[in-house]
Amino acid sequence: MGIAMFYHLTRRPIEATLPALLDKALAQGWRVVVRGGDAGRLDWLDERLWQGDGFLPHGQAGGEFDADQPVLLTTGADIPNGAVCLMAVDGAQVSPHEAAAMERVCILFDGNDPVAVEGARGQWRSLTGAGLRAQYWSEESGRWEIRRDSGA
């Protein structure tokens, strides 16, 4: 059983934060699935990932080679690439059962959006209520710091 890490984005946008987290996950040798709630928004993220500073191998779900993708962007609940890390963006939900099966779950949420903040709080309660360990990460100081660890 892994850990759920909540990233409260207040200084850097998702298109700057997500590639850094994906690089760290790939450096661990993990396959990653990025789950979003809106296909159009995932198209936008896909473009940003290709335009980034370095090469970040990834694809969007629904293609012939989904199982081969180190990073797969999807709106679905399936994980065809065998990912051990799930990154949820834009309010995409992660169940306690899914989180327990992963090495790592990262939930990225816009700290300037009250609806997103409340959604992340609900996810925190759901995951920690199921006995999963969770950490809350803040960039308020200008760098990422753990502000809360459920220690479950």
C-alpha atoms as a PDB file:
ATOM      1  CA  MET A   1       0.000   0.000   0.000  1.00  0.00           C
ATOM      2  CA  GLY A   2       1.376   3.361  -1.036  1.00  0.00           C
ATOM      3  CA  ILE A   3       0.657   6.911  -0.086  1.00  0.00           C
ATOM      4  CA  ALA A   4      -1.672   9.621  -1.380  1.00  0.00           C
ATOM      5  CA  MET A   5       0.024  12.969  -1.842  1.00  0.00           C
ATOM      6  CA  PHE A   6      -2.133  16.076  -2.184  1.00  0.00           C
ATOM      7  CA  TYR A   7      -0.521  18.987  -4.054  1.00  0.00           C
ATOM      8  CA  HIS A   8      -2.160  22.350  -3.322  1.00  0.00           C
ATOM      9  CA  LEU A   9      -1.224  24.448  -6.367  1.00  0.00           C
ATOM     10  CA  THR A  10      -1.051  28.133  -5.460  1.00  0.00           C
ATOM     11  CA  ARG A  11       2.106  29.433  -7.136  1.00  0.00           C
ATOM     12  CA  ARG A  12       2.766  27.232 -10.146  1.00  0.00           C
ATOM     13  CA  PRO A  13       0.109  26.062 -12.582  1.00  0.00           C
ATOM     14  CA  ILE A  14      -0.573  22.430 -13.326  1.00  0.00           C
ATOM     15  CA  GLU A  15       1.352  22.590 -16.614  1.00  0.00           C
ATOM     16  CA  ALA A  16       4.502  23.424 -14.621  1.00  0.00           C
ATOM     17  CA  THR A  17       3.912  21.084 -11.677  1.00  0.00           C
ATOM     18  CA  LEU A  18       2.710  17.955 -13.472  1.00  0.00           C
ATOM     19  CA  PRO A  19       5.832  17.469 -15.650  1.00  0.00           C
ATOM     20  CA  ALA A  20       8.097  17.742 -12.588  1.00  0.00           C
ATOM     21  CA  LEU A  21       6.073  15.087 -10.746  1.00  0.00           C
ATOM     22  CA  LEU A  22       5.986  12.861 -13.826  1.00  0.00           C
ATOM     23  CA  ASP A  23       9.774  13.122 -14.182  1.00  0.00           C
ATOM     24  CA  LYS A  24      10.202  12.014 -10.557  1.00  0.00           C
ATOM     25  CA  ALA A  25       7.828   9.084 -11.003  1.00  0.00           C
ATOM     26  CA  LEU A  26       9.562   7.940 -14.198  1.00  0.00           C
ATOM     27  CA  ALA A  27      12.935   8.217 -12.443  1.00  0.00           C
ATOM     28  CA  GLN A  28      11.574   5.679  -9.919  1.00  0.00           C
ATOM     29  CA  GLY A  29      10.872   3.332 -12.828  1.00  0.00           C
ATOM     30  CA  TRP A  30       7.111   3.694 -12.391  1.00  0.00           C
ATOM     31  CA  ARG A  31       4.485   3.768 -15.100  1.00  0.00           C
ATOM     32  CA  VAL A  32       1.959   6.534 -14.511  1.00  0.00           C
ATOM     33  CA  VAL A  33      -1.651   7.148 -15.416  1.00  0.00           C
ATOM     34  CA  VAL A  34      -2.862  10.758 -15.322  1.00  0.00           C
ATOM     35  CA  ARG A  35      -6.622  10.864 -14.784  1.00  0.00           C
ATOM     36  CA  GLY A  36      -8.582  13.969 -15.635  1.00  0.00           C
ATOM     37  CA  GLY A  37     -12.257  14.740 -15.696  1.00  0.00           C
ATOM     38  CA  ASP A  38     -12.451  16.386 -19.110  1.00  0.00           C
ATOM     39  CA  ALA A  39     -11.105  15.107 -22.452  1.00  0.00           C
ATOM     40  CA  GLY A  40     -10.592  18.633 -23.795  1.00  0.00           C
ATOM     41  CA  ARG A  41      -8.520  19.588 -20.777  1.00  0.00           C
ATOM     42  CA  LEU A  42      -6.403  16.437 -21.224  1.00  0.00           C
ATOM     43  CA  ASP A  43      -5.823  17.429 -24.874  1.00  0.00           C
ATOM     44  CA  TRP A  44      -4.565  20.769 -23.566  1.00  0.00           C
ATOM     45  CA  LEU A  45      -2.278  19.061 -21.021  1.00  0.00           C
ATOM     46  CA  ASP A  46      -1.017  16.682 -23.710  1.00  0.00           C
ATOM     47  CA  GLU A  47       0.070  19.672 -25.805  1.00  0.00           C
ATOM     48  CA  ARG A  48       1.811  21.276 -22.839  1.00  0.00           C
ATOM     49  CA  LEU A  49       3.683  18.059 -22.044  1.00  0.00           C
ATOM     50  CA  TRP A  50       5.000  17.850 -25.608  1.00  0.00           C
ATOM     51  CA  GLN A  51       6.051  21.522 -25.517  1.00  0.00           C
ATOM     52  CA  GLY A  52       7.984  21.162 -22.244  1.00  0.00           C
ATOM     53  CA  ASP A  53      11.714  21.586 -21.719  1.00  0.00           C
ATOM     54  CA  GLY A  54      12.596  17.901 -21.937  1.00  0.00           C
ATOM     55  CA  PHE A  55      11.235  14.769 -23.546  1.00  0.00           C
ATOM     56  CA  LEU A  56       8.419  13.312 -21.488  1.00  0.00           C
ATOM     57  CA  PRO A  57       7.188  10.083 -23.112  1.00  0.00           C
ATOM     58  CA  HIS A  58       3.409   9.877 -22.902  1.00  0.00           C
ATOM     59  CA  GLY A  59       0.227   9.244 -24.810  1.00  0.00           C
ATOM     60  CA  GLN A  60      -3.519   9.609 -24.548  1.00  0.00           C
ATOM     61  CA  ALA A  61      -5.773   6.659 -23.838  1.00  0.00           C
ATOM     62  CA  GLY A  62      -7.672   5.156 -26.718  1.00  0.00           C
ATOM     63  CA  GLY A  63      -4.710   4.443 -28.943  1.00  0.00           C
ATOM     64  CA  GLU A  64      -3.289   1.196 -30.219  1.00  0.00           C
ATOM     65  CA  PHE A  65      -0.277   1.377 -27.894  1.00  0.00           C
ATOM     66  CA  ASP A  66      -1.887   2.321 -24.556  1.00  0.00           C
ATOM     67  CA  ALA A  67      -0.257  -0.643 -22.795  1.00  0.00           C
ATOM     68  CA  ASP A  68       3.197   0.552 -23.879  1.00  0.00           C
ATOM     69  CA  GLN A  69       2.909   4.133 -22.621  1.00  0.00           C
ATOM     70  CA  PRO A  70       5.083   5.073 -19.616  1.00  0.00           C
ATOM     71  CA  VAL A  71       2.611   7.924 -18.959  1.00  0.00           C
ATOM     72  CA  LEU A  72      -0.984   7.625 -20.110  1.00  0.00           C
ATOM     73  CA  LEU A  73      -3.535  10.459 -19.969  1.00  0.00           C
ATOM     74  CA  THR A  74      -7.120   9.312 -19.558  1.00  0.00           C
ATOM     75  CA  THR A  75     -10.560  10.245 -18.325  1.00  0.00           C
ATOM     76  CA  GLY A  76     -11.356   6.595 -17.624  1.00  0.00           C
ATOM     77  CA  ALA A  77     -10.986   4.410 -14.578  1.00  0.00           C
ATOM     78  CA  ASP A  78      -9.060   1.638 -16.338  1.00  0.00           C
ATOM     79  CA  ILE A  79      -5.271   1.499 -16.240  1.00  0.00           C
ATOM     80  CA  PRO A  80      -4.179  -0.218 -19.455  1.00  0.00           C
ATOM     81  CA  ASN A  81      -0.495   0.665 -19.086  1.00  0.00           C
ATOM     82  CA  GLY A  82      -0.042  -1.173 -15.771  1.00  0.00           C
ATOM     83  CA  ALA A  83       0.690   2.053 -13.882  1.00  0.00           C
ATOM     84  CA  VAL A  84       1.713   1.936 -10.223  1.00  0.00           C
ATOM     85  CA  CYS A  85       1.317   5.701  -9.860  1.00  0.00           C
ATOM     86  CA  LEU A  86      -1.977   7.507 -10.413  1.00  0.00           C
ATOM     87  CA  MET A  87      -2.055  11.282 -10.754  1.00  0.00           C
ATOM     88  CA  ALA A  88      -5.503  12.861 -10.551  1.00  0.00           C
ATOM     89  CA  VAL A  89      -6.034  16.353 -11.949  1.00  0.00           C
ATOM     90  CA  ASP A  90      -8.966  18.722 -12.329  1.00  0.00           C
ATOM     91  CA  GLY A  91     -11.125  17.025  -9.718  1.00  0.00           C
ATOM     92  CA  ALA A  92     -10.811  13.468 -11.036  1.00  0.00           C
ATOM     93  CA  GLN A  93     -11.735  11.043  -8.273  1.00  0.00           C
ATOM     94  CA  VAL A  94      -9.639   8.224  -6.833  1.00  0.00           C
ATOM     95  CA  SER A  95     -11.308   5.526  -4.766  1.00  0.00           C
ATOM     96  CA  PRO A  96      -9.716   4.130  -1.617  1.00  0.00           C
ATOM     97  CA  HIS A  97      -9.555   0.713  -3.330  1.00  0.00           C
ATOM     98  CA  GLU A  98      -7.590   2.193  -6.267  1.00  0.00           C
ATOM     99  CA  ALA A  99      -5.280   4.149  -3.984  1.00  0.00           C
ATOM    100  CA  ALA A 100      -4.514   1.054  -1.907  1.00  0.00           C
ATOM    101  CA  ALA A 101      -3.412  -0.785  -5.057  1.00  0.00           C
ATOM    102  CA  MET A 102      -0.927   1.936  -6.105  1.00  0.00           C
ATOM    103  CA  GLU A 103       2.599   2.742  -5.005  1.00  0.00           C
ATOM    104  CA  ARG A 104       1.668   6.416  -5.149  1.00  0.00           C
ATOM    105  CA  VAL A 105      -1.367   8.568  -5.778  1.00  0.00           C
ATOM    106  CA  CYS A 106      -0.919  12.273  -6.455  1.00  0.00           C
ATOM    107  CA  ILE A 107      -3.919  14.564  -6.331  1.00  0.00           C
ATOM    108  CA  LEU A 108      -3.185  17.963  -7.827  1.00  0.00           C
ATOM    109  CA  PHE A 109      -5.697  20.726  -7.180  1.00  0.00           C
ATOM    110  CA  ASP A 110      -5.969  24.448  -7.850  1.00  0.00           C
ATOM    111  CA  GLY A 111      -5.680  26.234  -4.525  1.00  0.00           C
ATOM    112  CA  ASN A 112      -7.292  29.346  -6.017  1.00  0.00           C
ATOM    113  CA  ASP A 113     -10.512  27.485  -6.821  1.00  0.00           C
ATOM    114  CA  PRO A 114     -12.775  26.952  -3.768  1.00  0.00           C
ATOM    115  CA  VAL A 115     -14.621  24.087  -5.480  1.00  0.00           C
ATOM    116  CA  ALA A 116     -11.314  22.305  -6.207  1.00  0.00           C
ATOM    117  CA  VAL A 117     -10.132  22.821  -2.623  1.00  0.00           C
ATOM    118  CA  GLU A 118     -13.374  21.390  -1.228  1.00  0.00           C
ATOM    119  CA  GLY A 119     -13.128  18.453  -3.639  1.00  0.00           C
ATOM    120  CA  ALA A 120      -9.592  17.717  -2.442  1.00  0.00           C
ATOM    121  CA  ARG A 121     -10.757  17.859   1.175  1.00  0.00           C
ATOM    122  CA  GLY A 122     -13.413  15.288   0.345  1.00  0.00           C
ATOM    123  CA  GLN A 123     -10.799  13.057  -1.279  1.00  0.00           C
ATOM    124  CA  TRP A 124      -8.592  13.430   1.828  1.00  0.00           C
ATOM    125  CA  ARG A 125     -11.452  12.366   4.099  1.00  0.00           C
ATOM    126  CA  SER A 126     -12.331   9.439   1.840  1.00  0.00           C
ATOM    127  CA  LEU A 127      -8.782   8.086   1.605  1.00  0.00           C
ATOM    128  CA  THR A 128      -7.707   8.644   5.202  1.00  0.00           C
ATOM    129  CA  GLY A 129     -11.088   7.373   6.411  1.00  0.00           C
ATOM    130  CA  ALA A 130     -10.276   4.110   4.629  1.00  0.00           C
ATOM    131  CA  GLY A 131      -6.996   3.885   6.571  1.00  0.00           C
ATOM    132  CA  LEU A 132      -4.683   5.093   3.807  1.00  0.00           C
ATOM    133  CA  ARG A 133      -1.739   7.339   4.538  1.00  0.00           C
ATOM    134  CA  ALA A 134      -1.957  10.801   3.003  1.00  0.00           C
ATOM    135  CA  GLN A 135       0.285  13.849   2.878  1.00  0.00           C
ATOM    136  CA  TYR A 136      -0.685  17.425   2.166  1.00  0.00           C
ATOM    137  CA  TRP A 137       1.974  19.356   0.241  1.00  0.00           C
ATOM    138  CA  SER A 138       1.961  23.155   0.021  1.00  0.00           C
ATOM    139  CA  GLU A 139       4.036  25.517  -2.108  1.00  0.00           C
ATOM    140  CA  GLU A 140       3.015  28.537  -0.038  1.00  0.00           C
ATOM    141  CA  SER A 141       6.634  29.206   0.990  1.00  0.00           C
ATOM    142  CA  GLY A 142       7.833  29.083  -2.621  1.00  0.00           C
ATOM    143  CA  ARG A 143       8.957  25.454  -2.477  1.00  0.00           C
ATOM    144  CA  TRP A 144       7.068  22.254  -1.863  1.00  0.00           C
ATOM    145  CA  GLU A 145       6.785  21.296   1.815  1.00  0.00           C
ATOM    146  CA  ILE A 146       4.767  18.698   3.685  1.00  0.00           C
ATOM    147  CA  ARG A 147       2.247  20.513   5.854  1.00  0.00           C
ATOM    148  CA  ARG A 148       0.260  17.532   7.063  1.00  0.00           C
ATOM    149  CA  ASP A 149       0.859  13.786   7.229  1.00  0.00           C
ATOM    150  CA  SER A 150      -1.987  11.528   8.283  1.00  0.00           C
ATOM    151  CA  GLY A 151       0.523   8.923   9.443  1.00  0.00           C
ATOM    152  CA  ALA A 152      -2.096   6.184   8.918  1.00  0.00           C
END
